[in-house]
């Protein structure tokens, strides 16, 4: 067992569901609410803290807010978009959280290049809605559209196509970055150190007011999908590795509760954007129209998690059995294929009042056995999850804090509560760090700080950039304090 097995996840007690200034009201599920001071938490709802909320209407106001020379300026700040970081990356206990919703403009899409200027507070959902009718799509999409452009850059988000297209910031050509030392336009050529430190930098190098993104041209709003069911992890990984260059999108759902010969049994789905000729004549008349589906919401917070070991194992069995052994050329709407969970807007409430953690790690190709070991550890722990996703990563981006490195990444959701969970996660950390792998900071809520430098060995590059653009340590978050990325000063 890990020597850190007694560590406990910080969970949100029931009384803290209240807004600080309005004790009779409960905030939305991602903690965003209007008012001067609010209790905020991430999508996993595990580590709340109270911050002052500022919503600057323009770049000038934002710049003055960050400037330490302005009278009344606050010392600690971090930007926040739609609150979809799972842990505490968009919180600043005792400081100021900057709501970027005012930076919501979408420029004209260049029909020849796909370049478009987008405000940092624009959601990927809004950008998709603007671009899709014109035959363009975002170049990289995470598992949800409810992420702002600024958040996508701060986490350098990845998708099911990383093995071919890299992470989000590989398709960003320039940014307007508001820092404590001023406003600057940053490109890979003009200031590569600052550009790449911002890519995955978790908001610690400045706030993205606007960025220019290169979109991907498509012919339809559909994906041609091939599905295949595998009885074990080894056959799944072999198939994924063999078809990297064939499919733009590739992802496997993995059963982390199966054992022995069926360890890691999986359903692999691979696909690419459907060409116009793949649609039937009726759909060809409106190739960018999608079936109308209403987003649903849970009407209230569940007192207990619906996701338990028993329900997870039952779900895994049903999902595996109902999936076809092999299916080819199935037409699936883009949004259903890339964002299946967006159909339930507040699906995080399924995990009850205690919330959940998503553990995501990546290891190099030569350490693929770590994926097998991790799944075996989860199965042997007695814990189970209905959400375990395996993907392939291509070459890493240059950012010192960007998560993807070439290799294998596995993401698993766990409800908070089972007593064996903290020790399991600590032991997984040790295994991952032991092969120079890393965990995803946009998902993290509990990593031990002494492992950060092992997982991200180029932290000194981030520190050097921060000394230049934030010499007074204005930008910091609960995550950066917890991991020792920034100081522990509060206002």
Protein backbone atom coordinates (compact mmCIF):
# COMPACT_ATOMS: atom_id res chain seq x y z
CA UNK A 1 0.00 0.00 0.00
CA UNK A 2 1.11 3.59 -0.56
CA UNK A 3 2.59 5.45 2.36
CA UNK A 4 0.07 8.18 1.49
CA UNK A 5 -2.97 5.94 1.80
CA UNK A 6 -4.42 7.92 4.70
CA UNK A 7 -4.91 11.02 2.57
CA UNK A 8 -8.52 12.01 2.08
CA UNK A 9 -10.17 13.87 -0.75
CA UNK A 10 -11.69 17.18 0.27
CA UNK A 11 -15.42 16.91 -0.20
CA UNK A 12 -18.12 19.53 -0.08
CA UNK A 13 -20.36 19.22 3.00
CA UNK A 14 -24.07 19.76 2.44
CA UNK A 15 -24.27 23.17 4.19
CA UNK A 16 -21.69 24.63 1.77
CA UNK A 17 -24.08 24.30 -1.14
CA UNK A 18 -25.34 27.77 -0.29
CA UNK A 19 -24.28 31.07 -1.87
CA UNK A 20 -22.41 33.10 0.71
CA UNK A 21 -24.47 36.26 0.28
CA UNK A 22 -27.82 34.49 -0.14
CA UNK A 23 -28.06 31.66 2.37
CA UNK A 24 -31.46 30.59 1.11
CA UNK A 25 -30.34 29.83 -2.44
CA UNK A 26 -28.27 27.07 -4.02
CA UNK A 27 -25.87 27.94 -6.85
CA UNK A 28 -25.86 26.30 -10.28
CA UNK A 29 -24.07 22.97 -10.64
CA UNK A 30 -20.78 24.49 -11.78
CA UNK A 31 -20.77 27.12 -9.03
CA UNK A 32 -21.18 30.15 -11.32
CA UNK A 33 -23.45 32.81 -9.88
CA UNK A 34 -23.73 36.58 -9.83
CA UNK A 35 -22.53 38.61 -6.88
CA UNK A 36 -19.42 39.87 -5.12
CA UNK A 37 -18.35 36.71 -3.23
CA UNK A 38 -19.26 33.16 -4.14
CA UNK A 39 -18.53 29.59 -3.21
CA UNK A 40 -16.97 28.03 -6.31
CA UNK A 41 -16.08 24.47 -7.18
CA UNK A 42 -15.15 22.49 -10.26
CA UNK A 43 -17.16 20.03 -12.29
CA UNK A 44 -16.26 17.25 -9.88
CA UNK A 45 -17.68 19.36 -7.01
CA UNK A 46 -15.04 18.26 -4.50
CA UNK A 47 -12.93 21.22 -3.35
CA UNK A 48 -14.95 24.41 -2.76
CA UNK A 49 -13.54 27.80 -1.91
CA UNK A 50 -14.86 31.35 -1.60
CA UNK A 51 -13.71 34.06 -3.99
CA UNK A 52 -14.70 37.53 -5.11
CA UNK A 53 -16.15 37.52 -8.63
CA UNK A 54 -15.14 40.21 -11.12
CA UNK A 55 -16.65 40.49 -14.60
CA UNK A 56 -14.60 43.05 -16.55
CA UNK A 57 -16.48 44.30 -19.65
CA UNK A 58 -13.43 44.99 -21.80
CA UNK A 59 -9.67 44.59 -22.13
CA UNK A 60 -8.92 47.98 -20.55
CA UNK A 61 -10.87 47.17 -17.41
CA UNK A 62 -9.33 43.71 -17.21
CA UNK A 63 -5.84 45.12 -17.62
CA UNK A 64 -6.43 47.64 -14.82
CA UNK A 65 -7.78 44.85 -12.62
CA UNK A 66 -4.57 42.86 -13.05
CA UNK A 67 -2.21 45.83 -12.73
CA UNK A 68 -0.66 45.78 -9.22
CA UNK A 69 0.05 49.53 -9.48
CA UNK A 70 -3.64 50.43 -9.67
CA UNK A 71 -5.01 51.52 -6.27
CA UNK A 72 -7.25 48.87 -4.76
CA UNK A 73 -5.88 46.11 -6.99
CA UNK A 74 -6.24 42.67 -5.48
CA UNK A 75 -3.23 40.41 -5.17
CA UNK A 76 -4.45 36.97 -6.27
CA UNK A 77 -6.55 36.29 -9.38
CA UNK A 78 -7.39 33.53 -11.82
CA UNK A 79 -9.73 33.46 -14.86
CA UNK A 80 -12.80 31.21 -15.03
CA UNK A 81 -14.91 30.30 -18.03
CA UNK A 82 -17.71 27.76 -17.75
CA UNK A 83 -16.34 25.92 -14.71
CA UNK A 84 -15.61 22.63 -16.51
CA UNK A 85 -12.20 21.99 -14.97
CA UNK A 86 -12.92 19.04 -12.73
CA UNK A 87 -10.90 20.21 -9.74
CA UNK A 88 -9.73 23.55 -8.34
CA UNK A 89 -7.96 25.10 -11.35
CA UNK A 90 -10.49 27.95 -11.73
CA UNK A 91 -10.78 28.88 -8.05
CA UNK A 92 -8.82 31.36 -5.94
CA UNK A 93 -9.63 31.14 -2.23
CA UNK A 94 -9.68 34.60 -0.68
CA UNK A 95 -8.78 36.20 -4.00
CA UNK A 96 -10.59 37.18 -7.18
CA UNK A 97 -11.96 34.93 -9.90
CA UNK A 98 -12.33 36.75 -13.21
CA UNK A 99 -15.45 35.79 -15.15
CA UNK A 100 -14.55 36.04 -18.85
CA UNK A 101 -18.11 35.93 -20.18
CA UNK A 102 -17.94 39.51 -21.53
CA UNK A 103 -15.30 38.45 -24.08
CA UNK A 104 -17.89 36.77 -26.26
CA UNK A 105 -17.36 37.92 -29.85
CA UNK A 106 -16.86 35.67 -32.88
CA UNK A 107 -15.31 37.30 -35.92
CA UNK A 108 -15.85 36.54 -39.59
CA UNK A 109 -14.53 33.17 -40.71
CA UNK A 110 -12.06 33.45 -43.58
CA UNK A 111 -13.61 31.15 -46.20
CA UNK A 112 -10.23 30.34 -47.78
CA UNK A 113 -8.13 29.66 -44.67
CA UNK A 114 -10.61 28.87 -41.92
CA UNK A 115 -9.03 31.48 -39.65
CA UNK A 116 -11.35 33.21 -37.19
CA UNK A 117 -10.86 35.59 -34.26
CA UNK A 118 -12.72 34.42 -31.20
CA UNK A 119 -13.20 36.01 -27.78
CA UNK A 120 -11.74 34.15 -24.83
CA UNK A 121 -15.15 33.83 -23.20
CA UNK A 122 -16.84 32.21 -26.23
CA UNK A 123 -17.89 28.61 -25.67
CA UNK A 124 -16.86 25.92 -28.12
CA UNK A 125 -20.57 25.25 -28.48
CA UNK A 126 -21.16 28.81 -29.74
CA UNK A 127 -18.18 28.58 -32.09
CA UNK A 128 -19.44 25.28 -33.52
CA UNK A 129 -22.90 26.76 -34.06
CA UNK A 130 -21.38 29.70 -35.95
CA UNK A 131 -18.94 27.65 -38.02
CA UNK A 132 -20.87 24.49 -38.87
CA UNK A 133 -23.40 26.01 -41.32
CA UNK A 134 -20.45 27.44 -43.26
CA UNK A 135 -18.71 24.08 -43.56
CA UNK A 136 -16.15 24.50 -40.79
CA UNK A 137 -15.55 22.72 -37.50
CA UNK A 138 -13.25 23.21 -34.53
CA UNK A 139 -9.93 21.44 -35.15
CA UNK A 140 -9.83 19.74 -31.74
CA UNK A 141 -12.77 19.03 -29.47
CA UNK A 142 -12.68 17.79 -25.89
CA UNK A 143 -15.49 15.61 -24.57
CA UNK A 144 -17.77 18.60 -24.03
CA UNK A 145 -18.68 21.70 -26.05
CA UNK A 146 -19.27 23.62 -22.81
CA UNK A 147 -15.71 24.94 -22.58
CA UNK A 148 -14.61 28.48 -23.37
CA UNK A 149 -11.91 29.27 -25.88
CA UNK A 150 -9.76 30.66 -23.06
CA UNK A 151 -10.26 27.46 -21.09
CA UNK A 152 -9.40 25.33 -24.12
CA UNK A 153 -6.11 27.21 -24.44
CA UNK A 154 -5.35 27.23 -20.70
CA UNK A 155 -5.76 23.43 -20.58
CA UNK A 156 -4.48 22.86 -24.14
CA UNK A 157 -7.39 20.47 -24.52
CA UNK A 158 -7.17 17.32 -26.58
CA UNK A 159 -9.70 15.11 -28.30
CA UNK A 160 -10.18 11.77 -29.99
CA UNK A 161 -7.98 12.99 -32.85
CA UNK A 162 -4.78 13.87 -30.99
CA UNK A 163 -2.86 11.07 -32.71
CA UNK A 164 -3.40 12.93 -35.99
CA UNK A 165 -4.09 16.59 -35.17
CA UNK A 166 -2.42 17.27 -31.83
CA UNK A 167 -3.92 19.44 -29.10
CA UNK A 168 -5.95 22.62 -29.37
CA UNK A 169 -3.13 25.16 -29.23
CA UNK A 170 -1.46 23.59 -32.26
CA UNK A 171 -4.26 25.28 -34.23
CA UNK A 172 -4.05 28.68 -32.52
CA UNK A 173 -2.04 31.22 -34.50
CA UNK A 174 -2.13 34.20 -32.12
CA UNK A 175 -3.54 35.36 -28.79
CA UNK A 176 -4.35 38.67 -27.17
CA UNK A 177 -3.06 38.03 -23.67
CA UNK A 178 -3.81 40.32 -20.73
CA UNK A 179 -1.06 40.03 -18.12
CA UNK A 180 -0.14 41.96 -14.98
CA UNK A 181 2.53 43.80 -16.99
CA UNK A 182 0.22 44.75 -19.84
CA UNK A 183 -1.66 43.59 -22.91
CA UNK A 184 0.25 41.84 -25.65
CA UNK A 185 -0.38 40.02 -28.90
CA UNK A 186 1.49 36.73 -28.78
CA UNK A 187 2.34 34.35 -31.61
CA UNK A 188 4.60 31.33 -31.85
CA UNK A 189 7.07 33.47 -33.79
CA UNK A 190 6.94 36.70 -31.77
CA UNK A 191 7.26 35.14 -28.32
CA UNK A 192 7.40 31.33 -28.45
CA UNK A 193 8.22 30.96 -24.75
CA UNK A 194 5.11 32.90 -23.65
CA UNK A 195 2.90 31.35 -26.32
CA UNK A 196 3.69 27.79 -25.32
CA UNK A 197 3.77 28.49 -21.59
CA UNK A 198 0.20 29.76 -21.99
CA UNK A 199 -0.77 26.61 -23.92
CA UNK A 200 -1.72 24.36 -21.02
CA UNK A 201 -0.52 26.93 -18.49
CA UNK A 202 -3.79 26.79 -16.51
CA UNK A 203 -4.29 30.58 -16.68
CA UNK A 204 -1.05 31.34 -14.83
CA UNK A 205 0.61 33.42 -17.58
CA UNK A 206 -2.29 35.74 -18.42
CA UNK A 207 -5.91 35.87 -19.46
CA UNK A 208 -6.84 35.16 -23.08
CA UNK A 209 -9.06 38.00 -24.24
CA UNK A 210 -9.06 36.85 -27.87
CA UNK A 211 -7.34 34.29 -30.07
CA UNK A 212 -7.14 33.43 -33.75
CA UNK A 213 -7.94 29.79 -34.47
CA UNK A 214 -7.63 27.81 -37.68
CA UNK A 215 -10.79 25.76 -38.21
CA UNK A 216 -11.10 22.45 -40.06
CA UNK A 217 -13.10 22.27 -43.30
CA UNK A 218 -15.80 19.59 -43.45
CA UNK A 219 -18.47 18.56 -45.98
CA UNK A 220 -21.14 17.38 -43.55
CA UNK A 221 -22.09 17.44 -39.88
CA UNK A 222 -21.81 13.67 -39.66
CA UNK A 223 -19.10 11.14 -38.82
CA UNK A 224 -18.64 7.75 -40.47
CA UNK A 225 -17.96 5.40 -37.59
CA UNK A 226 -16.55 1.89 -37.43
CA UNK A 227 -17.12 0.00 -34.16
CA UNK A 228 -15.46 -3.14 -32.91
CA UNK A 229 -15.78 -5.09 -29.69
CA UNK A 230 -12.72 -6.72 -28.13
CA UNK A 231 -12.51 -9.33 -25.39
CA UNK A 232 -9.36 -7.96 -23.76
CA UNK A 233 -7.13 -4.91 -23.54
CA UNK A 234 -4.20 -6.26 -25.56
CA UNK A 235 -6.28 -6.77 -28.70
CA UNK A 236 -7.84 -3.32 -28.28
CA UNK A 237 -4.48 -1.58 -27.99
CA UNK A 238 -3.05 -3.51 -30.94
CA UNK A 239 -5.97 -2.45 -33.13
CA UNK A 240 -5.66 1.18 -32.08
CA UNK A 241 -1.94 1.26 -32.74
CA UNK A 242 -2.31 -0.37 -36.15
CA UNK A 243 -4.89 2.15 -37.41
CA UNK A 244 -3.48 5.48 -36.18
CA UNK A 245 -2.99 6.73 -39.72
CA UNK A 246 -6.32 5.49 -41.04
CA UNK A 247 -8.83 7.16 -38.70
CA UNK A 248 -8.93 10.80 -37.62
CA UNK A 249 -10.91 9.92 -34.48
CA UNK A 250 -10.25 6.92 -32.28
CA UNK A 251 -11.44 6.10 -28.74
CA UNK A 252 -12.10 2.99 -26.71
CA UNK A 253 -14.53 2.52 -23.86
CA UNK A 254 -12.89 0.13 -21.39
CA UNK A 255 -14.49 -2.08 -18.76
CA UNK A 256 -12.31 -1.56 -15.68
CA UNK A 257 -14.23 -4.09 -13.59
CA UNK A 258 -13.58 -7.19 -15.70
CA UNK A 259 -10.70 -9.44 -14.60
CA UNK A 260 -8.45 -12.30 -15.68
CA UNK A 261 -8.77 -13.17 -19.37
CA UNK A 262 -11.32 -10.42 -19.92
CA UNK A 263 -9.18 -7.71 -18.35
CA UNK A 264 -9.88 -4.43 -20.12
CA UNK A 265 -12.48 -5.73 -22.53
CA UNK A 266 -13.41 -2.80 -24.72
CA UNK A 267 -15.54 -1.25 -27.41
CA UNK A 268 -13.43 0.65 -29.93
CA UNK A 269 -14.99 3.36 -32.11
CA UNK A 270 -13.05 5.00 -34.93
CA UNK A 271 -14.18 7.40 -37.59
CA UNK A 272 -13.76 10.45 -39.77
CA UNK A 273 -15.89 13.31 -41.03
CA UNK A 274 -18.39 11.93 -43.51
CA UNK A 275 -18.10 13.20 -47.09
CA UNK A 276 -21.19 14.52 -48.84
CA UNK A 277 -21.63 11.39 -50.95
CA UNK A 278 -21.96 9.27 -47.80
CA UNK A 279 -25.31 10.92 -47.01
CA UNK A 280 -28.60 9.89 -48.53
CA UNK A 281 -30.13 12.38 -51.04
CA UNK A 282 -32.45 13.91 -48.46
CA UNK A 283 -29.60 14.68 -46.09
CA UNK A 284 -27.39 15.94 -48.92
CA UNK A 285 -29.79 18.85 -49.34
CA UNK A 286 -28.95 20.04 -45.81
CA UNK A 287 -25.62 18.37 -44.91
CA UNK A 288 -24.96 20.56 -41.89
CA UNK A 289 -28.31 20.03 -40.22
CA UNK A 290 -28.35 17.74 -37.21
CA UNK A 291 -31.24 15.83 -35.67
CA UNK A 292 -32.98 18.04 -33.14
CA UNK A 293 -32.36 16.83 -29.59
CA UNK A 294 -33.29 18.68 -26.45
CA UNK A 295 -30.64 18.90 -23.78
CA UNK A 296 -31.97 17.38 -20.60
CA UNK A 297 -31.25 18.34 -17.00
CA UNK A 298 -31.55 16.57 -13.70
CA UNK A 299 -34.11 18.62 -11.75
CA UNK A 300 -32.27 18.41 -8.42
CA UNK A 301 -29.10 17.22 -6.75
CA UNK A 302 -29.16 13.56 -5.79
CA UNK A 303 -28.45 12.89 -2.12
CA UNK A 304 -26.37 9.82 -2.99
CA UNK A 305 -24.37 8.80 -6.02
CA UNK A 306 -26.15 6.67 -8.58
CA UNK A 307 -22.70 5.55 -9.65
CA UNK A 308 -21.74 2.70 -7.33
CA UNK A 309 -19.67 -0.43 -7.80
CA UNK A 310 -22.84 -2.44 -8.34
CA UNK A 311 -24.45 -0.07 -10.85
CA UNK A 312 -21.13 0.44 -12.67
CA UNK A 313 -20.60 -3.28 -13.11
CA UNK A 314 -24.15 -3.72 -14.35
CA UNK A 315 -23.76 -0.84 -16.79
CA UNK A 316 -20.42 -2.17 -18.04
CA UNK A 317 -21.90 -5.61 -18.66
CA UNK A 318 -24.90 -4.23 -20.53
CA UNK A 319 -22.84 -1.78 -22.59
CA UNK A 320 -20.37 -4.46 -23.60
CA UNK A 321 -23.03 -7.03 -24.51
CA UNK A 322 -25.19 -4.62 -26.50
CA UNK A 323 -22.28 -3.31 -28.59
CA UNK A 324 -21.89 -5.07 -31.95
CA UNK A 325 -18.92 -7.32 -32.52
CA UNK A 326 -18.21 -5.27 -35.63
CA UNK A 327 -20.05 -2.50 -37.48
CA UNK A 328 -18.79 -0.32 -40.34
CA UNK A 329 -19.79 2.98 -41.89
CA UNK A 330 -22.42 3.97 -39.34
CA UNK A 331 -23.41 7.62 -39.75
CA UNK A 332 -23.41 9.42 -36.39
CA UNK A 333 -24.07 13.15 -35.79
CA UNK A 334 -20.88 15.04 -34.93
CA UNK A 335 -22.20 16.19 -31.58
CA UNK A 336 -23.38 12.70 -30.56
CA UNK A 337 -20.02 11.19 -31.48
CA UNK A 338 -17.79 13.82 -29.88
CA UNK A 339 -19.96 15.02 -26.98
CA UNK A 340 -22.24 12.18 -25.87
CA UNK A 341 -22.52 13.44 -22.28
CA UNK A 342 -23.66 16.93 -23.31
CA UNK A 343 -27.13 15.49 -23.78
CA UNK A 344 -27.50 15.70 -19.98
CA UNK A 345 -26.38 19.21 -19.06
CA UNK A 346 -25.68 18.54 -15.38
CA UNK A 347 -24.60 14.90 -15.50
CA UNK A 348 -22.12 15.58 -12.71
CA UNK A 349 -25.07 15.50 -10.30
CA UNK A 350 -25.37 11.76 -10.90
CA UNK A 351 -22.48 11.40 -8.46
CA UNK A 352 -24.45 12.86 -5.56
CA UNK A 353 -23.44 15.42 -2.95
CA UNK A 354 -19.90 14.16 -2.47
CA UNK A 355 -19.02 14.56 -6.13
CA UNK A 356 -16.42 12.65 -8.11
CA UNK A 357 -12.87 12.74 -9.39
CA UNK A 358 -11.67 11.97 -12.89
CA UNK A 359 -8.24 10.44 -12.94
CA UNK A 360 -6.49 10.84 -16.28
CA UNK A 361 -2.90 9.89 -16.98
CA UNK A 362 -0.64 9.46 -20.00
CA UNK A 363 2.42 7.27 -20.48
CA UNK A 364 4.85 6.88 -23.37
CA UNK A 365 4.36 4.07 -25.93
CA UNK A 366 7.16 1.99 -24.41
CA UNK A 367 5.28 1.96 -21.10
CA UNK A 368 1.97 0.67 -22.46
CA UNK A 369 2.02 -2.00 -19.75
CA UNK A 370 1.15 0.74 -17.23
CA UNK A 371 -2.32 0.96 -18.79
CA UNK A 372 -2.83 -2.75 -18.17
CA UNK A 373 -1.44 -2.44 -14.64
CA UNK A 374 -3.71 0.52 -13.85
CA UNK A 375 -6.82 -1.33 -15.03
CA UNK A 376 -5.78 -4.39 -13.04
CA UNK A 377 -5.27 -2.24 -9.92
CA UNK A 378 -8.73 -0.71 -10.32
CA UNK A 379 -10.36 -4.11 -10.83
CA UNK A 380 -8.57 -5.59 -7.81
CA UNK A 381 -9.49 -2.60 -5.62
CA UNK A 382 -13.16 -3.49 -5.80
CA UNK A 383 -13.97 -0.09 -7.28
CA UNK A 384 -15.60 0.27 -10.65
CA UNK A 385 -16.47 3.04 -13.07
CA UNK A 386 -18.81 3.30 -16.05
CA UNK A 387 -16.60 5.99 -17.55
CA UNK A 388 -13.18 4.68 -18.58
CA UNK A 389 -11.82 5.97 -21.88
CA UNK A 390 -8.61 5.02 -23.66
CA UNK A 391 -7.04 7.15 -26.41
CA UNK A 392 -3.79 7.46 -28.34
CA UNK A 393 -1.71 10.63 -28.26
CA UNK A 394 0.60 11.82 -31.00
CA UNK A 395 3.70 13.97 -30.46
CA UNK A 396 3.67 16.44 -27.58
CA UNK A 397 3.22 20.18 -28.01
CA UNK A 398 6.10 22.41 -26.81
CA UNK A 399 4.23 23.75 -23.75
CA UNK A 400 5.97 22.93 -20.43
CA UNK A 401 2.62 22.34 -18.71
CA UNK A 402 0.70 20.89 -21.69
CA UNK A 403 -0.57 17.46 -20.70
CA UNK A 404 -0.33 15.27 -23.84
CA UNK A 405 2.85 13.37 -24.58
CA UNK A 406 3.08 10.70 -27.25
CA UNK A 407 1.60 7.47 -25.98
CA UNK A 408 -1.49 6.16 -24.20
CA UNK A 409 -3.96 8.07 -22.06
CA UNK A 410 -6.62 6.56 -19.82
CA UNK A 411 -9.35 8.58 -18.05
CA UNK A 412 -11.57 7.09 -15.33
CA UNK A 413 -14.35 8.64 -13.22
CA UNK A 414 -14.68 7.63 -9.56
CA UNK A 415 -17.36 8.74 -7.11
CA UNK A 416 -15.90 10.19 -3.91
CA UNK A 417 -16.67 8.15 -0.81
CA UNK A 418 -15.21 4.62 -0.93
CA UNK A 419 -12.45 4.42 1.71
CA UNK A 420 -10.01 2.68 -0.63
CA UNK A 421 -10.16 5.44 -3.26
CA UNK A 422 -7.46 7.82 -1.90
CA UNK A 423 -4.89 5.04 -1.53
CA UNK A 424 -5.70 3.65 -4.99
CA UNK A 425 -5.18 7.05 -6.60
CA UNK A 426 -1.92 7.59 -4.72
CA UNK A 427 -0.65 4.21 -5.86
CA UNK A 428 -1.64 4.98 -9.44
CA UNK A 429 0.28 8.27 -9.15
CA UNK A 430 3.39 6.38 -8.07
CA UNK A 431 3.13 3.93 -10.96
CA UNK A 432 2.59 6.72 -13.51
CA UNK A 433 5.35 8.95 -12.13
CA UNK A 434 7.70 5.96 -12.02
CA UNK A 435 7.73 5.81 -15.82
CA UNK A 436 7.79 9.62 -16.34
CA UNK A 437 4.08 9.73 -17.12
CA UNK A 438 1.80 12.49 -15.92
CA UNK A 439 -1.73 13.30 -14.82
CA UNK A 440 -3.94 15.95 -16.41
CA UNK A 441 -4.04 19.09 -14.26
CA UNK A 442 -7.37 20.22 -15.73
CA UNK A 443 -8.89 17.09 -14.17
CA UNK A 444 -6.82 16.95 -10.99
CA UNK A 445 -8.15 17.62 -7.49
CA UNK A 446 -5.66 15.79 -5.26
CA UNK A 447 -2.18 15.19 -6.72
CA UNK A 448 0.67 15.20 -4.19
CA UNK A 449 2.83 18.30 -4.87
CA UNK A 450 6.12 16.41 -4.68
CA UNK A 451 5.17 14.49 -7.83
CA UNK A 452 4.46 17.53 -9.99
CA UNK A 453 8.10 18.13 -10.96
CA UNK A 454 8.54 14.44 -11.75
CA UNK A 455 5.55 14.46 -14.07
CA UNK A 456 6.26 17.90 -15.56
CA UNK A 457 10.08 18.25 -15.57
CA UNK A 458 10.11 21.61 -17.41
CA UNK A 459 8.43 23.66 -14.70
CA UNK A 460 11.44 25.99 -14.62
CA UNK A 461 10.46 27.23 -18.10
CA UNK A 462 7.02 28.18 -16.84
CA UNK A 463 8.57 29.89 -13.84
CA UNK A 464 10.87 31.93 -16.07
CA UNK A 465 7.96 33.15 -18.19
CA UNK A 466 5.89 33.99 -15.11
CA UNK A 467 8.73 36.10 -13.70
CA UNK A 468 8.57 38.14 -16.88
CA UNK A 469 4.80 38.61 -17.23
CA UNK A 470 3.71 38.28 -13.60
CA UNK A 471 6.62 39.33 -11.37
CA UNK A 472 4.31 40.02 -8.41
CA UNK A 473 2.59 36.61 -8.51
CA UNK A 474 -0.84 38.08 -9.18
CA UNK A 475 -2.09 35.06 -11.10
CA UNK A 476 -2.60 32.02 -8.93
CA UNK A 477 -5.29 29.47 -8.23
CA UNK A 478 -6.21 26.94 -5.61
CA UNK A 479 -4.57 24.33 -7.84
CA UNK A 480 -1.34 26.29 -8.28
CA UNK A 481 -1.08 26.89 -4.53
CA UNK A 482 -1.87 23.28 -3.70
CA UNK A 483 0.84 22.01 -6.05
CA UNK A 484 3.39 24.68 -5.21
CA UNK A 485 3.34 26.23 -8.69
CA UNK A 486 2.77 29.64 -7.10
CA UNK A 487 3.05 31.11 -3.60
CA UNK A 488 0.49 30.67 -0.85
CA UNK A 489 -0.25 34.36 -0.33
CA UNK A 490 -3.93 35.25 0.01
CA UNK A 491 -5.54 38.68 -0.03
